[in-house]
């Protein structure tokens, strides 16, 4: 792919870390 002129694939951006909250609190 590089020899054919394809652009370099970049990693997907890392998503924001997620957390679970306590609805009861």
PDBML (XML) file of the C-alpha atoms, coordinates in Angstrom:
<?xml version="1.0" encoding="UTF-8" ?>
<PDBx:datablock datablockName="MODEL"
   xmlns:PDBx="http://pdbml.pdb.org/schema/pdbx-v50.xsd"
   xmlns:xsi="http://www.w3.org/2001/XMLSchema-instance"
   xsi:schemaLocation="http://pdbml.pdb.org/schema/pdbx-v50.xsd pdbx-v50.xsd">
   <PDBx:atom_siteCategory>
      <PDBx:atom_site id="1">
         <PDBx:B_iso_or_equiv>0.00</PDBx:B_iso_or_equiv>
         <PDBx:Cartn_x>0.000</PDBx:Cartn_x>
         <PDBx:Cartn_y>0.000</PDBx:Cartn_y>
         <PDBx:Cartn_z>0.000</PDBx:Cartn_z>
         <PDBx:auth_asym_id>A</PDBx:auth_asym_id>
         <PDBx:auth_atom_id>CA</PDBx:auth_atom_id>
         <PDBx:auth_comp_id>UNK</PDBx:auth_comp_id>
         <PDBx:auth_seq_id>1</PDBx:auth_seq_id>
         <PDBx:group_PDB>ATOM</PDBx:group_PDB>
         <PDBx:label_alt_id xsi:nil="true" />
         <PDBx:label_asym_id>A</PDBx:label_asym_id>
         <PDBx:label_atom_id>CA</PDBx:label_atom_id>
         <PDBx:label_comp_id>UNK</PDBx:label_comp_id>
         <PDBx:label_entity_id>1</PDBx:label_entity_id>
         <PDBx:label_seq_id>1</PDBx:label_seq_id>
         <PDBx:occupancy>1.00</PDBx:occupancy>
         <PDBx:pdbx_PDB_model_num>1</PDBx:pdbx_PDB_model_num>
         <PDBx:type_symbol>C</PDBx:type_symbol>
      </PDBx:atom_site>
      <PDBx:atom_site id="2">
         <PDBx:B_iso_or_equiv>0.00</PDBx:B_iso_or_equiv>
         <PDBx:Cartn_x>2.845</PDBx:Cartn_x>
         <PDBx:Cartn_y>2.401</PDBx:Cartn_y>
         <PDBx:Cartn_z>0.820</PDBx:Cartn_z>
         <PDBx:auth_asym_id>A</PDBx:auth_asym_id>
         <PDBx:auth_atom_id>CA</PDBx:auth_atom_id>
         <PDBx:auth_comp_id>UNK</PDBx:auth_comp_id>
         <PDBx:auth_seq_id>2</PDBx:auth_seq_id>
         <PDBx:group_PDB>ATOM</PDBx:group_PDB>
         <PDBx:label_alt_id xsi:nil="true" />
         <PDBx:label_asym_id>A</PDBx:label_asym_id>
         <PDBx:label_atom_id>CA</PDBx:label_atom_id>
         <PDBx:label_comp_id>UNK</PDBx:label_comp_id>
         <PDBx:label_entity_id>1</PDBx:label_entity_id>
         <PDBx:label_seq_id>2</PDBx:label_seq_id>
         <PDBx:occupancy>1.00</PDBx:occupancy>
         <PDBx:pdbx_PDB_model_num>1</PDBx:pdbx_PDB_model_num>
         <PDBx:type_symbol>C</PDBx:type_symbol>
      </PDBx:atom_site>
      <PDBx:atom_site id="3">
         <PDBx:B_iso_or_equiv>0.00</PDBx:B_iso_or_equiv>
         <PDBx:Cartn_x>4.552</PDBx:Cartn_x>
         <PDBx:Cartn_y>1.603</PDBx:Cartn_y>
         <PDBx:Cartn_z>-2.483</PDBx:Cartn_z>
         <PDBx:auth_asym_id>A</PDBx:auth_asym_id>
         <PDBx:auth_atom_id>CA</PDBx:auth_atom_id>
         <PDBx:auth_comp_id>UNK</PDBx:auth_comp_id>
         <PDBx:auth_seq_id>3</PDBx:auth_seq_id>
         <PDBx:group_PDB>ATOM</PDBx:group_PDB>
         <PDBx:label_alt_id xsi:nil="true" />
         <PDBx:label_asym_id>A</PDBx:label_asym_id>
         <PDBx:label_atom_id>CA</PDBx:label_atom_id>
         <PDBx:label_comp_id>UNK</PDBx:label_comp_id>
         <PDBx:label_entity_id>1</PDBx:label_entity_id>
         <PDBx:label_seq_id>3</PDBx:label_seq_id>
         <PDBx:occupancy>1.00</PDBx:occupancy>
         <PDBx:pdbx_PDB_model_num>1</PDBx:pdbx_PDB_model_num>
         <PDBx:type_symbol>C</PDBx:type_symbol>
      </PDBx:atom_site>
      <PDBx:atom_site id="4">
         <PDBx:B_iso_or_equiv>0.00</PDBx:B_iso_or_equiv>
         <PDBx:Cartn_x>1.281</PDBx:Cartn_x>
         <PDBx:Cartn_y>2.383</PDBx:Cartn_y>
         <PDBx:Cartn_z>-4.251</PDBx:Cartn_z>
         <PDBx:auth_asym_id>A</PDBx:auth_asym_id>
         <PDBx:auth_atom_id>CA</PDBx:auth_atom_id>
         <PDBx:auth_comp_id>UNK</PDBx:auth_comp_id>
         <PDBx:auth_seq_id>4</PDBx:auth_seq_id>
         <PDBx:group_PDB>ATOM</PDBx:group_PDB>
         <PDBx:label_alt_id xsi:nil="true" />
         <PDBx:label_asym_id>A</PDBx:label_asym_id>
         <PDBx:label_atom_id>CA</PDBx:label_atom_id>
         <PDBx:label_comp_id>UNK</PDBx:label_comp_id>
         <PDBx:label_entity_id>1</PDBx:label_entity_id>
         <PDBx:label_seq_id>4</PDBx:label_seq_id>
         <PDBx:occupancy>1.00</PDBx:occupancy>
         <PDBx:pdbx_PDB_model_num>1</PDBx:pdbx_PDB_model_num>
         <PDBx:type_symbol>C</PDBx:type_symbol>
      </PDBx:atom_site>
      <PDBx:atom_site id="5">
         <PDBx:B_iso_or_equiv>0.00</PDBx:B_iso_or_equiv>
         <PDBx:Cartn_x>1.158</PDBx:Cartn_x>
         <PDBx:Cartn_y>5.792</PDBx:Cartn_y>
         <PDBx:Cartn_z>-2.570</PDBx:Cartn_z>
         <PDBx:auth_asym_id>A</PDBx:auth_asym_id>
         <PDBx:auth_atom_id>CA</PDBx:auth_atom_id>
         <PDBx:auth_comp_id>UNK</PDBx:auth_comp_id>
         <PDBx:auth_seq_id>5</PDBx:auth_seq_id>
         <PDBx:group_PDB>ATOM</PDBx:group_PDB>
         <PDBx:label_alt_id xsi:nil="true" />
         <PDBx:label_asym_id>A</PDBx:label_asym_id>
         <PDBx:label_atom_id>CA</PDBx:label_atom_id>
         <PDBx:label_comp_id>UNK</PDBx:label_comp_id>
         <PDBx:label_entity_id>1</PDBx:label_entity_id>
         <PDBx:label_seq_id>5</PDBx:label_seq_id>
         <PDBx:occupancy>1.00</PDBx:occupancy>
         <PDBx:pdbx_PDB_model_num>1</PDBx:pdbx_PDB_model_num>
         <PDBx:type_symbol>C</PDBx:type_symbol>
      </PDBx:atom_site>
      <PDBx:atom_site id="6">
         <PDBx:B_iso_or_equiv>0.00</PDBx:B_iso_or_equiv>
         <PDBx:Cartn_x>-1.528</PDBx:Cartn_x>
         <PDBx:Cartn_y>5.009</PDBx:Cartn_y>
         <PDBx:Cartn_z>0.013</PDBx:Cartn_z>
         <PDBx:auth_asym_id>A</PDBx:auth_asym_id>
         <PDBx:auth_atom_id>CA</PDBx:auth_atom_id>
         <PDBx:auth_comp_id>UNK</PDBx:auth_comp_id>
         <PDBx:auth_seq_id>6</PDBx:auth_seq_id>
         <PDBx:group_PDB>ATOM</PDBx:group_PDB>
         <PDBx:label_alt_id xsi:nil="true" />
         <PDBx:label_asym_id>A</PDBx:label_asym_id>
         <PDBx:label_atom_id>CA</PDBx:label_atom_id>
         <PDBx:label_comp_id>UNK</PDBx:label_comp_id>
         <PDBx:label_entity_id>1</PDBx:label_entity_id>
         <PDBx:label_seq_id>6</PDBx:label_seq_id>
         <PDBx:occupancy>1.00</PDBx:occupancy>
         <PDBx:pdbx_PDB_model_num>1</PDBx:pdbx_PDB_model_num>
         <PDBx:type_symbol>C</PDBx:type_symbol>
      </PDBx:atom_site>
      <PDBx:atom_site id="7">
         <PDBx:B_iso_or_equiv>0.00</PDBx:B_iso_or_equiv>
         <PDBx:Cartn_x>-1.474</PDBx:Cartn_x>
         <PDBx:Cartn_y>7.283</PDBx:Cartn_y>
         <PDBx:Cartn_z>3.078</PDBx:Cartn_z>
         <PDBx:auth_asym_id>A</PDBx:auth_asym_id>
         <PDBx:auth_atom_id>CA</PDBx:auth_atom_id>
         <PDBx:auth_comp_id>UNK</PDBx:auth_comp_id>
         <PDBx:auth_seq_id>7</PDBx:auth_seq_id>
         <PDBx:group_PDB>ATOM</PDBx:group_PDB>
         <PDBx:label_alt_id xsi:nil="true" />
         <PDBx:label_asym_id>A</PDBx:label_asym_id>
         <PDBx:label_atom_id>CA</PDBx:label_atom_id>
         <PDBx:label_comp_id>UNK</PDBx:label_comp_id>
         <PDBx:label_entity_id>1</PDBx:label_entity_id>
         <PDBx:label_seq_id>7</PDBx:label_seq_id>
         <PDBx:occupancy>1.00</PDBx:occupancy>
         <PDBx:pdbx_PDB_model_num>1</PDBx:pdbx_PDB_model_num>
         <PDBx:type_symbol>C</PDBx:type_symbol>
      </PDBx:atom_site>
      <PDBx:atom_site id="8">
         <PDBx:B_iso_or_equiv>0.00</PDBx:B_iso_or_equiv>
         <PDBx:Cartn_x>-0.217</PDBx:Cartn_x>
         <PDBx:Cartn_y>5.868</PDBx:Cartn_y>
         <PDBx:Cartn_z>6.344</PDBx:Cartn_z>
         <PDBx:auth_asym_id>A</PDBx:auth_asym_id>
         <PDBx:auth_atom_id>CA</PDBx:auth_atom_id>
         <PDBx:auth_comp_id>UNK</PDBx:auth_comp_id>
         <PDBx:auth_seq_id>8</PDBx:auth_seq_id>
         <PDBx:group_PDB>ATOM</PDBx:group_PDB>
         <PDBx:label_alt_id xsi:nil="true" />
         <PDBx:label_asym_id>A</PDBx:label_asym_id>
         <PDBx:label_atom_id>CA</PDBx:label_atom_id>
         <PDBx:label_comp_id>UNK</PDBx:label_comp_id>
         <PDBx:label_entity_id>1</PDBx:label_entity_id>
         <PDBx:label_seq_id>8</PDBx:label_seq_id>
         <PDBx:occupancy>1.00</PDBx:occupancy>
         <PDBx:pdbx_PDB_model_num>1</PDBx:pdbx_PDB_model_num>
         <PDBx:type_symbol>C</PDBx:type_symbol>
      </PDBx:atom_site>
      <PDBx:atom_site id="9">
         <PDBx:B_iso_or_equiv>0.00</PDBx:B_iso_or_equiv>
         <PDBx:Cartn_x>-3.060</PDBx:Cartn_x>
         <PDBx:Cartn_y>4.570</PDBx:Cartn_y>
         <PDBx:Cartn_z>8.499</PDBx:Cartn_z>
         <PDBx:auth_asym_id>A</PDBx:auth_asym_id>
         <PDBx:auth_atom_id>CA</PDBx:auth_atom_id>
         <PDBx:auth_comp_id>UNK</PDBx:auth_comp_id>
         <PDBx:auth_seq_id>9</PDBx:auth_seq_id>
         <PDBx:group_PDB>ATOM</PDBx:group_PDB>
         <PDBx:label_alt_id xsi:nil="true" />
         <PDBx:label_asym_id>A</PDBx:label_asym_id>
         <PDBx:label_atom_id>CA</PDBx:label_atom_id>
         <PDBx:label_comp_id>UNK</PDBx:label_comp_id>
         <PDBx:label_entity_id>1</PDBx:label_entity_id>
         <PDBx:label_seq_id>9</PDBx:label_seq_id>
         <PDBx:occupancy>1.00</PDBx:occupancy>
         <PDBx:pdbx_PDB_model_num>1</PDBx:pdbx_PDB_model_num>
         <PDBx:type_symbol>C</PDBx:type_symbol>
      </PDBx:atom_site>
      <PDBx:atom_site id="10">
         <PDBx:B_iso_or_equiv>0.00</PDBx:B_iso_or_equiv>
         <PDBx:Cartn_x>-3.145</PDBx:Cartn_x>
         <PDBx:Cartn_y>6.224</PDBx:Cartn_y>
         <PDBx:Cartn_z>11.913</PDBx:Cartn_z>
         <PDBx:auth_asym_id>A</PDBx:auth_asym_id>
         <PDBx:auth_atom_id>CA</PDBx:auth_atom_id>
         <PDBx:auth_comp_id>UNK</PDBx:auth_comp_id>
         <PDBx:auth_seq_id>10</PDBx:auth_seq_id>
         <PDBx:group_PDB>ATOM</PDBx:group_PDB>
         <PDBx:label_alt_id xsi:nil="true" />
         <PDBx:label_asym_id>A</PDBx:label_asym_id>
         <PDBx:label_atom_id>CA</PDBx:label_atom_id>
         <PDBx:label_comp_id>UNK</PDBx:label_comp_id>
         <PDBx:label_entity_id>1</PDBx:label_entity_id>
         <PDBx:label_seq_id>10</PDBx:label_seq_id>
         <PDBx:occupancy>1.00</PDBx:occupancy>
         <PDBx:pdbx_PDB_model_num>1</PDBx:pdbx_PDB_model_num>
         <PDBx:type_symbol>C</PDBx:type_symbol>
      </PDBx:atom_site>
      <PDBx:atom_site id="11">
         <PDBx:B_iso_or_equiv>0.00</PDBx:B_iso_or_equiv>
         <PDBx:Cartn_x>-4.586</PDBx:Cartn_x>
         <PDBx:Cartn_y>4.694</PDBx:Cartn_y>
         <PDBx:Cartn_z>15.094</PDBx:Cartn_z>
         <PDBx:auth_asym_id>A</PDBx:auth_asym_id>
         <PDBx:auth_atom_id>CA</PDBx:auth_atom_id>
         <PDBx:auth_comp_id>UNK</PDBx:auth_comp_id>
         <PDBx:auth_seq_id>11</PDBx:auth_seq_id>
         <PDBx:group_PDB>ATOM</PDBx:group_PDB>
         <PDBx:label_alt_id xsi:nil="true" />
         <PDBx:label_asym_id>A</PDBx:label_asym_id>
         <PDBx:label_atom_id>CA</PDBx:label_atom_id>
         <PDBx:label_comp_id>UNK</PDBx:label_comp_id>
         <PDBx:label_entity_id>1</PDBx:label_entity_id>
         <PDBx:label_seq_id>11</PDBx:label_seq_id>
         <PDBx:occupancy>1.00</PDBx:occupancy>
         <PDBx:pdbx_PDB_model_num>1</PDBx:pdbx_PDB_model_num>
         <PDBx:type_symbol>C</PDBx:type_symbol>
      </PDBx:atom_site>
      <PDBx:atom_site id="12">
         <PDBx:B_iso_or_equiv>0.00</PDBx:B_iso_or_equiv>
         <PDBx:Cartn_x>-8.115</PDBx:Cartn_x>
         <PDBx:Cartn_y>5.690</PDBx:Cartn_y>
         <PDBx:Cartn_z>15.968</PDBx:Cartn_z>
         <PDBx:auth_asym_id>A</PDBx:auth_asym_id>
         <PDBx:auth_atom_id>CA</PDBx:auth_atom_id>
         <PDBx:auth_comp_id>UNK</PDBx:auth_comp_id>
         <PDBx:auth_seq_id>12</PDBx:auth_seq_id>
         <PDBx:group_PDB>ATOM</PDBx:group_PDB>
         <PDBx:label_alt_id xsi:nil="true" />
         <PDBx:label_asym_id>A</PDBx:label_asym_id>
         <PDBx:label_atom_id>CA</PDBx:label_atom_id>
         <PDBx:label_comp_id>UNK</PDBx:label_comp_id>
         <PDBx:label_entity_id>1</PDBx:label_entity_id>
         <PDBx:label_seq_id>12</PDBx:label_seq_id>
         <PDBx:occupancy>1.00</PDBx:occupancy>
         <PDBx:pdbx_PDB_model_num>1</PDBx:pdbx_PDB_model_num>
         <PDBx:type_symbol>C</PDBx:type_symbol>
      </PDBx:atom_site>
      <PDBx:atom_site id="13">
         <PDBx:B_iso_or_equiv>0.00</PDBx:B_iso_or_equiv>
         <PDBx:Cartn_x>-8.201</PDBx:Cartn_x>
         <PDBx:Cartn_y>8.416</PDBx:Cartn_y>
         <PDBx:Cartn_z>18.612</PDBx:Cartn_z>
         <PDBx:auth_asym_id>A</PDBx:auth_asym_id>
         <PDBx:auth_atom_id>CA</PDBx:auth_atom_id>
         <PDBx:auth_comp_id>UNK</PDBx:auth_comp_id>
         <PDBx:auth_seq_id>13</PDBx:auth_seq_id>
         <PDBx:group_PDB>ATOM</PDBx:group_PDB>
         <PDBx:label_alt_id xsi:nil="true" />
         <PDBx:label_asym_id>A</PDBx:label_asym_id>
         <PDBx:label_atom_id>CA</PDBx:label_atom_id>
         <PDBx:label_comp_id>UNK</PDBx:label_comp_id>
         <PDBx:label_entity_id>1</PDBx:label_entity_id>
         <PDBx:label_seq_id>13</PDBx:label_seq_id>
         <PDBx:occupancy>1.00</PDBx:occupancy>
         <PDBx:pdbx_PDB_model_num>1</PDBx:pdbx_PDB_model_num>
         <PDBx:type_symbol>C</PDBx:type_symbol>
      </PDBx:atom_site>
      <PDBx:atom_site id="14">
         <PDBx:B_iso_or_equiv>0.00</PDBx:B_iso_or_equiv>
         <PDBx:Cartn_x>-8.579</PDBx:Cartn_x>
         <PDBx:Cartn_y>6.967</PDBx:Cartn_y>
         <PDBx:Cartn_z>22.091</PDBx:Cartn_z>
         <PDBx:auth_asym_id>A</PDBx:auth_asym_id>
         <PDBx:auth_atom_id>CA</PDBx:auth_atom_id>
         <PDBx:auth_comp_id>UNK</PDBx:auth_comp_id>
         <PDBx:auth_seq_id>14</PDBx:auth_seq_id>
         <PDBx:group_PDB>ATOM</PDBx:group_PDB>
         <PDBx:label_alt_id xsi:nil="true" />
         <PDBx:label_asym_id>A</PDBx:label_asym_id>
         <PDBx:label_atom_id>CA</PDBx:label_atom_id>
         <PDBx:label_comp_id>UNK</PDBx:label_comp_id>
         <PDBx:label_entity_id>1</PDBx:label_entity_id>
         <PDBx:label_seq_id>14</PDBx:label_seq_id>
         <PDBx:occupancy>1.00</PDBx:occupancy>
         <PDBx:pdbx_PDB_model_num>1</PDBx:pdbx_PDB_model_num>
         <PDBx:type_symbol>C</PDBx:type_symbol>
      </PDBx:atom_site>
      <PDBx:atom_site id="15">
         <PDBx:B_iso_or_equiv>0.00</PDBx:B_iso_or_equiv>
         <PDBx:Cartn_x>-12.049</PDBx:Cartn_x>
         <PDBx:Cartn_y>7.639</PDBx:Cartn_y>
         <PDBx:Cartn_z>23.499</PDBx:Cartn_z>
         <PDBx:auth_asym_id>A</PDBx:auth_asym_id>
         <PDBx:auth_atom_id>CA</PDBx:auth_atom_id>
         <PDBx:auth_comp_id>UNK</PDBx:auth_comp_id>
         <PDBx:auth_seq_id>15</PDBx:auth_seq_id>
         <PDBx:group_PDB>ATOM</PDBx:group_PDB>
         <PDBx:label_alt_id xsi:nil="true" />
         <PDBx:label_asym_id>A</PDBx:label_asym_id>
         <PDBx:label_atom_id>CA</PDBx:label_atom_id>
         <PDBx:label_comp_id>UNK</PDBx:label_comp_id>
         <PDBx:label_entity_id>1</PDBx:label_entity_id>
         <PDBx:label_seq_id>15</PDBx:label_seq_id>
         <PDBx:occupancy>1.00</PDBx:occupancy>
         <PDBx:pdbx_PDB_model_num>1</PDBx:pdbx_PDB_model_num>
         <PDBx:type_symbol>C</PDBx:type_symbol>
      </PDBx:atom_site>
      <PDBx:atom_site id="16">
         <PDBx:B_iso_or_equiv>0.00</PDBx:B_iso_or_equiv>
         <PDBx:Cartn_x>-12.426</PDBx:Cartn_x>
         <PDBx:Cartn_y>9.441</PDBx:Cartn_y>
         <PDBx:Cartn_z>26.796</PDBx:Cartn_z>
         <PDBx:auth_asym_id>A</PDBx:auth_asym_id>
         <PDBx:auth_atom_id>CA</PDBx:auth_atom_id>
         <PDBx:auth_comp_id>UNK</PDBx:auth_comp_id>
         <PDBx:auth_seq_id>16</PDBx:auth_seq_id>
         <PDBx:group_PDB>ATOM</PDBx:group_PDB>
         <PDBx:label_alt_id xsi:nil="true" />
         <PDBx:label_asym_id>A</PDBx:label_asym_id>
         <PDBx:label_atom_id>CA</PDBx:label_atom_id>
         <PDBx:label_comp_id>UNK</PDBx:label_comp_id>
         <PDBx:label_entity_id>1</PDBx:label_entity_id>
         <PDBx:label_seq_id>16</PDBx:label_seq_id>
         <PDBx:occupancy>1.00</PDBx:occupancy>
         <PDBx:pdbx_PDB_model_num>1</PDBx:pdbx_PDB_model_num>
         <PDBx:type_symbol>C</PDBx:type_symbol>
      </PDBx:atom_site>
      <PDBx:atom_site id="17">
         <PDBx:B_iso_or_equiv>0.00</PDBx:B_iso_or_equiv>
         <PDBx:Cartn_x>-12.324</PDBx:Cartn_x>
         <PDBx:Cartn_y>6.981</PDBx:Cartn_y>
         <PDBx:Cartn_z>29.708</PDBx:Cartn_z>
         <PDBx:auth_asym_id>A</PDBx:auth_asym_id>
         <PDBx:auth_atom_id>CA</PDBx:auth_atom_id>
         <PDBx:auth_comp_id>UNK</PDBx:auth_comp_id>
         <PDBx:auth_seq_id>17</PDBx:auth_seq_id>
         <PDBx:group_PDB>ATOM</PDBx:group_PDB>
         <PDBx:label_alt_id xsi:nil="true" />
         <PDBx:label_asym_id>A</PDBx:label_asym_id>
         <PDBx:label_atom_id>CA</PDBx:label_atom_id>
         <PDBx:label_comp_id>UNK</PDBx:label_comp_id>
         <PDBx:label_entity_id>1</PDBx:label_entity_id>
         <PDBx:label_seq_id>17</PDBx:label_seq_id>
         <PDBx:occupancy>1.00</PDBx:occupancy>
         <PDBx:pdbx_PDB_model_num>1</PDBx:pdbx_PDB_model_num>
         <PDBx:type_symbol>C</PDBx:type_symbol>
      </PDBx:atom_site>
      <PDBx:atom_site id="18">
         <PDBx:B_iso_or_equiv>0.00</PDBx:B_iso_or_equiv>
         <PDBx:Cartn_x>-15.832</PDBx:Cartn_x>
         <PDBx:Cartn_y>6.261</PDBx:Cartn_y>
         <PDBx:Cartn_z>31.022</PDBx:Cartn_z>
         <PDBx:auth_asym_id>A</PDBx:auth_asym_id>
         <PDBx:auth_atom_id>CA</PDBx:auth_atom_id>
         <PDBx:auth_comp_id>UNK</PDBx:auth_comp_id>
         <PDBx:auth_seq_id>18</PDBx:auth_seq_id>
         <PDBx:group_PDB>ATOM</PDBx:group_PDB>
         <PDBx:label_alt_id xsi:nil="true" />
         <PDBx:label_asym_id>A</PDBx:label_asym_id>
         <PDBx:label_atom_id>CA</PDBx:label_atom_id>
         <PDBx:label_comp_id>UNK</PDBx:label_comp_id>
         <PDBx:label_entity_id>1</PDBx:label_entity_id>
         <PDBx:label_seq_id>18</PDBx:label_seq_id>
         <PDBx:occupancy>1.00</PDBx:occupancy>
         <PDBx:pdbx_PDB_model_num>1</PDBx:pdbx_PDB_model_num>
         <PDBx:type_symbol>C</PDBx:type_symbol>
      </PDBx:atom_site>
      <PDBx:atom_site id="19">
         <PDBx:B_iso_or_equiv>0.00</PDBx:B_iso_or_equiv>
         <PDBx:Cartn_x>-17.021</PDBx:Cartn_x>
         <PDBx:Cartn_y>5.672</PDBx:Cartn_y>
         <PDBx:Cartn_z>34.561</PDBx:Cartn_z>
         <PDBx:auth_asym_id>A</PDBx:auth_asym_id>
         <PDBx:auth_atom_id>CA</PDBx:auth_atom_id>
         <PDBx:auth_comp_id>UNK</PDBx:auth_comp_id>
         <PDBx:auth_seq_id>19</PDBx:auth_seq_id>
         <PDBx:group_PDB>ATOM</PDBx:group_PDB>
         <PDBx:label_alt_id xsi:nil="true" />
         <PDBx:label_asym_id>A</PDBx:label_asym_id>
         <PDBx:label_atom_id>CA</PDBx:label_atom_id>
         <PDBx:label_comp_id>UNK</PDBx:label_comp_id>
         <PDBx:label_entity_id>1</PDBx:label_entity_id>
         <PDBx:label_seq_id>19</PDBx:label_seq_id>
         <PDBx:occupancy>1.00</PDBx:occupancy>
         <PDBx:pdbx_PDB_model_num>1</PDBx:pdbx_PDB_model_num>
         <PDBx:type_symbol>C</PDBx:type_symbol>
      </PDBx:atom_site>
      <PDBx:atom_site id="20">
         <PDBx:B_iso_or_equiv>0.00</PDBx:B_iso_or_equiv>
         <PDBx:Cartn_x>-20.273</PDBx:Cartn_x>
         <PDBx:Cartn_y>4.449</PDBx:Cartn_y>
         <PDBx:Cartn_z>36.055</PDBx:Cartn_z>
         <PDBx:auth_asym_id>A</PDBx:auth_asym_id>
         <PDBx:auth_atom_id>CA</PDBx:auth_atom_id>
         <PDBx:auth_comp_id>UNK</PDBx:auth_comp_id>
         <PDBx:auth_seq_id>20</PDBx:auth_seq_id>
         <PDBx:group_PDB>ATOM</PDBx:group_PDB>
         <PDBx:label_alt_id xsi:nil="true" />
         <PDBx:label_asym_id>A</PDBx:label_asym_id>
         <PDBx:label_atom_id>CA</PDBx:label_atom_id>
         <PDBx:label_comp_id>UNK</PDBx:label_comp_id>
         <PDBx:label_entity_id>1</PDBx:label_entity_id>
         <PDBx:label_seq_id>20</PDBx:label_seq_id>
         <PDBx:occupancy>1.00</PDBx:occupancy>
         <PDBx:pdbx_PDB_model_num>1</PDBx:pdbx_PDB_model_num>
         <PDBx:type_symbol>C</PDBx:type_symbol>
      </PDBx:atom_site>
      <PDBx:atom_site id="21">
         <PDBx:B_iso_or_equiv>0.00</PDBx:B_iso_or_equiv>
         <PDBx:Cartn_x>-21.910</PDBx:Cartn_x>
         <PDBx:Cartn_y>6.563</PDBx:Cartn_y>
         <PDBx:Cartn_z>38.749</PDBx:Cartn_z>
         <PDBx:auth_asym_id>A</PDBx:auth_asym_id>
         <PDBx:auth_atom_id>CA</PDBx:auth_atom_id>
         <PDBx:auth_comp_id>UNK</PDBx:auth_comp_id>
         <PDBx:auth_seq_id>21</PDBx:auth_seq_id>
         <PDBx:group_PDB>ATOM</PDBx:group_PDB>
         <PDBx:label_alt_id xsi:nil="true" />
         <PDBx:label_asym_id>A</PDBx:label_asym_id>
         <PDBx:label_atom_id>CA</PDBx:label_atom_id>
         <PDBx:label_comp_id>UNK</PDBx:label_comp_id>
         <PDBx:label_entity_id>1</PDBx:label_entity_id>
         <PDBx:label_seq_id>21</PDBx:label_seq_id>
         <PDBx:occupancy>1.00</PDBx:occupancy>
         <PDBx:pdbx_PDB_model_num>1</PDBx:pdbx_PDB_model_num>
         <PDBx:type_symbol>C</PDBx:type_symbol>
      </PDBx:atom_site>
      <PDBx:atom_site id="22">
         <PDBx:B_iso_or_equiv>0.00</PDBx:B_iso_or_equiv>
         <PDBx:Cartn_x>-24.227</PDBx:Cartn_x>
         <PDBx:Cartn_y>5.487</PDBx:Cartn_y>
         <PDBx:Cartn_z>41.542</PDBx:Cartn_z>
         <PDBx:auth_asym_id>A</PDBx:auth_asym_id>
         <PDBx:auth_atom_id>CA</PDBx:auth_atom_id>
         <PDBx:auth_comp_id>UNK</PDBx:auth_comp_id>
         <PDBx:auth_seq_id>22</PDBx:auth_seq_id>
         <PDBx:group_PDB>ATOM</PDBx:group_PDB>
         <PDBx:label_alt_id xsi:nil="true" />
         <PDBx:label_asym_id>A</PDBx:label_asym_id>
         <PDBx:label_atom_id>CA</PDBx:label_atom_id>
         <PDBx:label_comp_id>UNK</PDBx:label_comp_id>
         <PDBx:label_entity_id>1</PDBx:label_entity_id>
         <PDBx:label_seq_id>22</PDBx:label_seq_id>
         <PDBx:occupancy>1.00</PDBx:occupancy>
         <PDBx:pdbx_PDB_model_num>1</PDBx:pdbx_PDB_model_num>
         <PDBx:type_symbol>C</PDBx:type_symbol>
      </PDBx:atom_site>
      <PDBx:atom_site id="23">
         <PDBx:B_iso_or_equiv>0.00</PDBx:B_iso_or_equiv>
         <PDBx:Cartn_x>-27.782</PDBx:Cartn_x>
         <PDBx:Cartn_y>6.592</PDBx:Cartn_y>
         <PDBx:Cartn_z>40.765</PDBx:Cartn_z>
         <PDBx:auth_asym_id>A</PDBx:auth_asym_id>
         <PDBx:auth_atom_id>CA</PDBx:auth_atom_id>
         <PDBx:auth_comp_id>UNK</PDBx:auth_comp_id>
         <PDBx:auth_seq_id>23</PDBx:auth_seq_id>
         <PDBx:group_PDB>ATOM</PDBx:group_PDB>
         <PDBx:label_alt_id xsi:nil="true" />
         <PDBx:label_asym_id>A</PDBx:label_asym_id>
         <PDBx:label_atom_id>CA</PDBx:label_atom_id>
         <PDBx:label_comp_id>UNK</PDBx:label_comp_id>
         <PDBx:label_entity_id>1</PDBx:label_entity_id>
         <PDBx:label_seq_id>23</PDBx:label_seq_id>
         <PDBx:occupancy>1.00</PDBx:occupancy>
         <PDBx:pdbx_PDB_model_num>1</PDBx:pdbx_PDB_model_num>
         <PDBx:type_symbol>C</PDBx:type_symbol>
      </PDBx:atom_site>
      <PDBx:atom_site id="24">
         <PDBx:B_iso_or_equiv>0.00</PDBx:B_iso_or_equiv>
         <PDBx:Cartn_x>-28.762</PDBx:Cartn_x>
         <PDBx:Cartn_y>5.902</PDBx:Cartn_y>
         <PDBx:Cartn_z>44.387</PDBx:Cartn_z>
         <PDBx:auth_asym_id>A</PDBx:auth_asym_id>
         <PDBx:auth_atom_id>CA</PDBx:auth_atom_id>
         <PDBx:auth_comp_id>UNK</PDBx:auth_comp_id>
         <PDBx:auth_seq_id>24</PDBx:auth_seq_id>
         <PDBx:group_PDB>ATOM</PDBx:group_PDB>
         <PDBx:label_alt_id xsi:nil="true" />
         <PDBx:label_asym_id>A</PDBx:label_asym_id>
         <PDBx:label_atom_id>CA</PDBx:label_atom_id>
         <PDBx:label_comp_id>UNK</PDBx:label_comp_id>
         <PDBx:label_entity_id>1</PDBx:label_entity_id>
         <PDBx:label_seq_id>24</PDBx:label_seq_id>
         <PDBx:occupancy>1.00</PDBx:occupancy>
         <PDBx:pdbx_PDB_model_num>1</PDBx:pdbx_PDB_model_num>
         <PDBx:type_symbol>C</PDBx:type_symbol>
      </PDBx:atom_site>
      <PDBx:atom_site id="25">
         <PDBx:B_iso_or_equiv>0.00</PDBx:B_iso_or_equiv>
         <PDBx:Cartn_x>-26.056</PDBx:Cartn_x>
         <PDBx:Cartn_y>8.274</PDBx:Cartn_y>
         <PDBx:Cartn_z>45.664</PDBx:Cartn_z>
         <PDBx:auth_asym_id>A</PDBx:auth_asym_id>
         <PDBx:auth_atom_id>CA</PDBx:auth_atom_id>
         <PDBx:auth_comp_id>UNK</PDBx:auth_comp_id>
         <PDBx:auth_seq_id>25</PDBx:auth_seq_id>
         <PDBx:group_PDB>ATOM</PDBx:group_PDB>
         <PDBx:label_alt_id xsi:nil="true" />
         <PDBx:label_asym_id>A</PDBx:label_asym_id>
         <PDBx:label_atom_id>CA</PDBx:label_atom_id>
         <PDBx:label_comp_id>UNK</PDBx:label_comp_id>
         <PDBx:label_entity_id>1</PDBx:label_entity_id>
         <PDBx:label_seq_id>25</PDBx:label_seq_id>
         <PDBx:occupancy>1.00</PDBx:occupancy>
         <PDBx:pdbx_PDB_model_num>1</PDBx:pdbx_PDB_model_num>
         <PDBx:type_symbol>C</PDBx:type_symbol>
      </PDBx:atom_site>
   </PDBx:atom_siteCategory>
</PDBx:datablock>
